[in-house]
Amino acid sequence: MDIERGILFVLSGPSGVGKGTVCKALRAQKLDIQYSVSATTRTPRAGEVHGVDYFFKTKEEFQHMIENNELLEWAEYVGNFYGTPIEYVNQTLDEGRDVILEIEVQGALQVRKTFPEGVFIFLTPPSLEELRSRIVGRGTETEDLINNRMTVAREEIEMMQHYDYSVVNDEISSACSRIQSIITSEHCKVDRVTNRYKKLLGDE
């Protein structure tokens, strides 16, 4: 029996919207989906673990990955680089398992061009005021950097039109429930199961 290739789900949205928190909550629910760890040159935040939350790289190491075409996508955001190692993603999909990428908007739009069969989910804040409050609450950025992130966030929200779904992150549990519903519905789409039934009917 042929293994059906998994589905790539891309979750992104403005900085501070809670992408990481939502992904951790999804992982805690032990869904049958693999979390793809991104590479980044930014400094680890408190509690983040190399190889679990991110692959933390120097700029020289990251440049080497770019030059060797080892990234599905990459982007520079507020002075740091982020990217998705391609080998893990393709290997996992070929094994029939779904993959979820948590990446910045620039990176998601790159993947949209090179991997259009992916499912793109835009995580939005309840309001811009709430988004700013969450960024301030981190206590890790200066006022200038916070203002910079808010300017970028407005530009990124305008990019929502390039996504398949929009999920409001008002409550973590509600956002996770909506994303689970998207995953389930994507697996039920006719164009994903047609080949399987053609084989059953002897058409292939």
Protein backbone atom coordinates (compact mmCIF):
# COMPACT_ATOMS: atom_id res chain seq x y z
CA MET A 1 0.00 0.00 0.00
CA ASP A 2 1.42 3.35 -1.01
CA ILE A 3 2.00 5.87 1.76
CA GLU A 4 0.04 9.07 1.26
CA ARG A 5 2.29 12.10 1.52
CA GLY A 6 1.64 14.27 4.56
CA ILE A 7 0.35 17.84 4.46
CA LEU A 8 2.50 20.87 5.16
CA PHE A 9 0.72 23.41 7.41
CA VAL A 10 2.28 26.87 7.66
CA LEU A 11 1.39 28.99 10.68
CA SER A 12 2.52 32.59 10.72
CA GLY A 13 1.48 36.07 11.76
CA PRO A 14 2.93 39.25 13.25
CA SER A 15 5.57 39.17 15.97
CA GLY A 16 3.98 38.93 19.41
CA VAL A 17 0.75 37.31 18.21
CA GLY A 18 1.59 34.08 20.05
CA LYS A 19 2.71 31.70 17.29
CA GLY A 20 5.14 29.88 19.56
CA THR A 21 2.68 29.62 22.43
CA VAL A 22 -0.03 28.19 20.17
CA CYS A 23 2.38 25.66 18.63
CA LYS A 24 3.53 24.52 22.09
CA ALA A 25 -0.09 24.05 23.12
CA LEU A 26 -0.75 21.99 19.97
CA ARG A 27 2.28 19.84 20.72
CA ALA A 28 1.07 19.28 24.29
CA GLN A 29 -2.15 17.84 22.86
CA LYS A 30 -0.03 15.19 21.13
CA LEU A 31 -1.63 15.64 17.71
CA ASP A 32 -0.36 13.41 14.91
CA ILE A 33 1.64 16.25 13.40
CA GLN A 34 5.34 17.01 13.44
CA TYR A 35 6.63 20.40 14.57
CA SER A 36 9.39 21.64 12.27
CA VAL A 37 12.14 23.39 14.15
CA SER A 38 13.38 26.56 12.45
CA ALA A 39 16.91 27.90 12.39
CA THR A 40 17.55 31.45 13.64
CA THR A 41 20.39 33.83 14.44
CA ARG A 42 18.51 35.61 17.23
CA THR A 43 19.50 35.19 20.89
CA PRO A 44 17.59 32.49 22.80
CA ARG A 45 14.87 33.77 25.12
CA ALA A 46 14.51 32.44 28.66
CA GLY A 47 13.51 28.78 28.64
CA GLU A 48 14.17 28.20 24.93
CA VAL A 49 16.18 25.08 24.11
CA HIS A 50 18.45 24.54 21.10
CA GLY A 51 17.01 21.84 18.81
CA VAL A 52 13.60 22.01 20.48
CA ASP A 53 12.40 25.60 20.04
CA TYR A 54 14.94 26.66 17.40
CA PHE A 55 18.29 25.69 15.96
CA PHE A 56 20.30 28.70 17.15
CA LYS A 57 22.95 29.58 14.57
CA THR A 58 25.61 32.22 14.12
CA LYS A 59 25.21 34.44 11.07
CA GLU A 60 28.16 32.63 9.48
CA GLU A 61 26.50 29.24 10.01
CA PHE A 62 23.21 30.52 8.63
CA GLN A 63 24.90 31.95 5.55
CA HIS A 64 26.48 28.54 4.94
CA MET A 65 23.00 26.96 4.98
CA ILE A 66 21.74 29.51 2.43
CA GLU A 67 24.68 28.91 0.10
CA ASN A 68 24.16 25.14 0.24
CA ASN A 69 20.39 25.34 -0.46
CA GLU A 70 19.60 23.71 2.88
CA LEU A 71 16.61 25.96 3.61
CA LEU A 72 13.02 25.74 2.35
CA GLU A 73 12.74 29.45 3.07
CA TRP A 74 14.59 32.12 4.95
CA ALA A 75 14.07 35.74 5.88
CA GLU A 76 15.71 38.60 7.75
CA TYR A 77 13.49 40.11 10.42
CA VAL A 78 14.47 43.04 12.68
CA GLY A 79 18.18 42.29 12.25
CA ASN A 80 18.02 38.51 12.64
CA PHE A 81 17.70 35.60 10.20
CA TYR A 82 15.10 32.82 10.30
CA GLY A 83 14.81 29.77 8.06
CA THR A 84 13.34 26.28 7.65
CA PRO A 85 15.70 23.31 7.10
CA ILE A 86 14.33 21.55 4.00
CA GLU A 87 15.60 18.01 4.58
CA TYR A 88 13.51 17.38 7.69
CA VAL A 89 10.33 18.72 6.08
CA ASN A 90 10.51 16.58 2.92
CA GLN A 91 11.55 13.44 4.77
CA THR A 92 8.66 13.74 7.23
CA LEU A 93 6.05 14.42 4.50
CA ASP A 94 7.31 11.44 2.48
CA GLU A 95 6.76 9.24 5.55
CA GLY A 96 3.09 10.22 5.45
CA ARG A 97 3.19 12.54 8.46
CA ASP A 98 1.95 16.12 8.56
CA VAL A 99 4.35 18.96 9.33
CA ILE A 100 3.55 22.35 10.84
CA LEU A 101 5.89 25.28 10.29
CA GLU A 102 5.83 28.26 12.62
CA ILE A 103 7.52 31.03 10.65
CA GLU A 104 7.50 34.76 10.02
CA VAL A 105 5.28 36.22 7.28
CA GLN A 106 8.16 36.85 4.86
CA GLY A 107 9.15 33.20 5.07
CA ALA A 108 5.57 31.98 4.65
CA LEU A 109 5.18 33.94 1.43
CA GLN A 110 8.38 32.35 0.10
CA VAL A 111 7.00 28.88 0.88
CA ARG A 112 3.71 29.82 -0.81
CA LYS A 113 5.62 30.30 -4.09
CA THR A 114 7.75 27.16 -3.87
CA PHE A 115 5.27 24.88 -2.05
CA PRO A 116 1.77 26.00 -3.17
CA GLU A 117 0.17 22.72 -2.07
CA GLY A 118 0.81 23.69 1.57
CA VAL A 119 -1.98 24.98 3.82
CA PHE A 120 -1.36 28.53 5.05
CA ILE A 121 -2.83 29.78 8.35
CA PHE A 122 -2.53 33.40 9.49
CA LEU A 123 -2.68 33.91 13.27
CA THR A 124 -4.12 37.31 14.14
CA PRO A 125 -4.36 39.26 17.41
CA PRO A 126 -7.77 40.32 18.78
CA SER A 127 -6.63 43.94 18.22
CA LEU A 128 -3.49 45.98 17.57
CA GLU A 129 -3.71 47.30 21.13
CA GLU A 130 -3.60 43.75 22.48
CA LEU A 131 -0.69 42.93 20.18
CA ARG A 132 1.32 45.87 21.50
CA SER A 133 0.50 44.86 25.07
CA ARG A 134 1.83 41.35 24.45
CA ILE A 135 5.08 42.66 22.96
CA VAL A 136 5.56 45.09 25.85
CA GLY A 137 4.80 42.26 28.28
CA ARG A 138 7.84 40.31 27.08
CA GLY A 139 10.04 42.93 28.69
CA THR A 140 12.82 42.20 26.20
CA GLU A 141 12.52 45.07 23.71
CA THR A 142 13.23 48.79 23.82
CA GLU A 143 10.51 51.32 22.99
CA ASP A 144 12.06 51.92 19.57
CA LEU A 145 12.07 48.21 18.79
CA ILE A 146 8.47 47.85 19.98
CA ASN A 147 7.41 50.68 17.65
CA ASN A 148 9.35 49.02 14.83
CA ARG A 149 7.60 45.70 15.44
CA MET A 150 4.19 47.41 15.41
CA THR A 151 4.95 49.09 12.09
CA VAL A 152 5.99 45.76 10.61
CA ALA A 153 2.91 44.07 12.13
CA ARG A 154 0.57 46.44 10.29
CA GLU A 155 2.31 45.63 7.01
CA GLU A 156 2.16 41.89 7.72
CA ILE A 157 -1.56 41.91 8.53
CA GLU A 158 -2.14 43.34 5.06
CA MET A 159 -0.52 40.14 3.71
CA MET A 160 -3.33 38.00 5.16
CA GLN A 161 -4.95 37.86 1.71
CA HIS A 162 -2.26 35.40 0.60
CA TYR A 163 -3.31 32.80 3.21
CA ASP A 164 -5.95 30.08 3.19
CA TYR A 165 -7.23 30.57 6.73
CA SER A 166 -7.25 33.22 9.45
CA VAL A 167 -7.37 32.26 13.14
CA VAL A 168 -7.78 34.84 15.91
CA ASN A 169 -5.59 34.12 18.92
CA ASP A 170 -7.93 35.45 21.61
CA GLU A 171 -7.65 32.39 23.85
CA ILE A 172 -4.97 29.73 23.35
CA SER A 173 -7.40 26.82 23.68
CA SER A 174 -9.84 28.35 21.19
CA ALA A 175 -7.07 29.07 18.66
CA CYS A 176 -5.81 25.47 18.96
CA SER A 177 -9.32 24.11 18.47
CA ARG A 178 -9.74 26.14 15.27
CA ILE A 179 -6.41 24.95 13.92
CA GLN A 180 -7.30 21.32 14.70
CA SER A 181 -10.52 21.81 12.75
CA ILE A 182 -8.54 23.12 9.77
CA ILE A 183 -6.23 20.09 9.87
CA THR A 184 -9.19 17.71 9.96
CA SER A 185 -11.03 19.45 7.13
CA GLU A 186 -7.94 19.49 4.90
CA HIS A 187 -7.61 15.71 5.22
CA CYS A 188 -11.25 15.35 4.16
CA LYS A 189 -10.90 17.36 0.94
CA VAL A 190 -11.91 15.39 -2.13
CA ASP A 191 -8.79 16.25 -4.11
CA ARG A 192 -6.64 14.64 -1.39
CA VAL A 193 -8.51 11.30 -1.41
CA THR A 194 -9.41 10.97 -5.12
CA ASN A 195 -6.32 8.95 -6.07
CA ARG A 196 -6.89 6.51 -3.21
CA TYR A 197 -10.41 5.71 -4.39
CA LYS A 198 -9.42 5.53 -8.05
CA LYS A 199 -7.08 2.70 -7.07
CA LEU A 200 -9.83 0.99 -5.08
CA LEU A 201 -12.13 1.17 -8.10
CA GLY A 202 -9.43 -0.13 -10.42
CA ASP A 203 -9.15 3.08 -12.43
CA GLU A 204 -5.39 3.20 -11.90
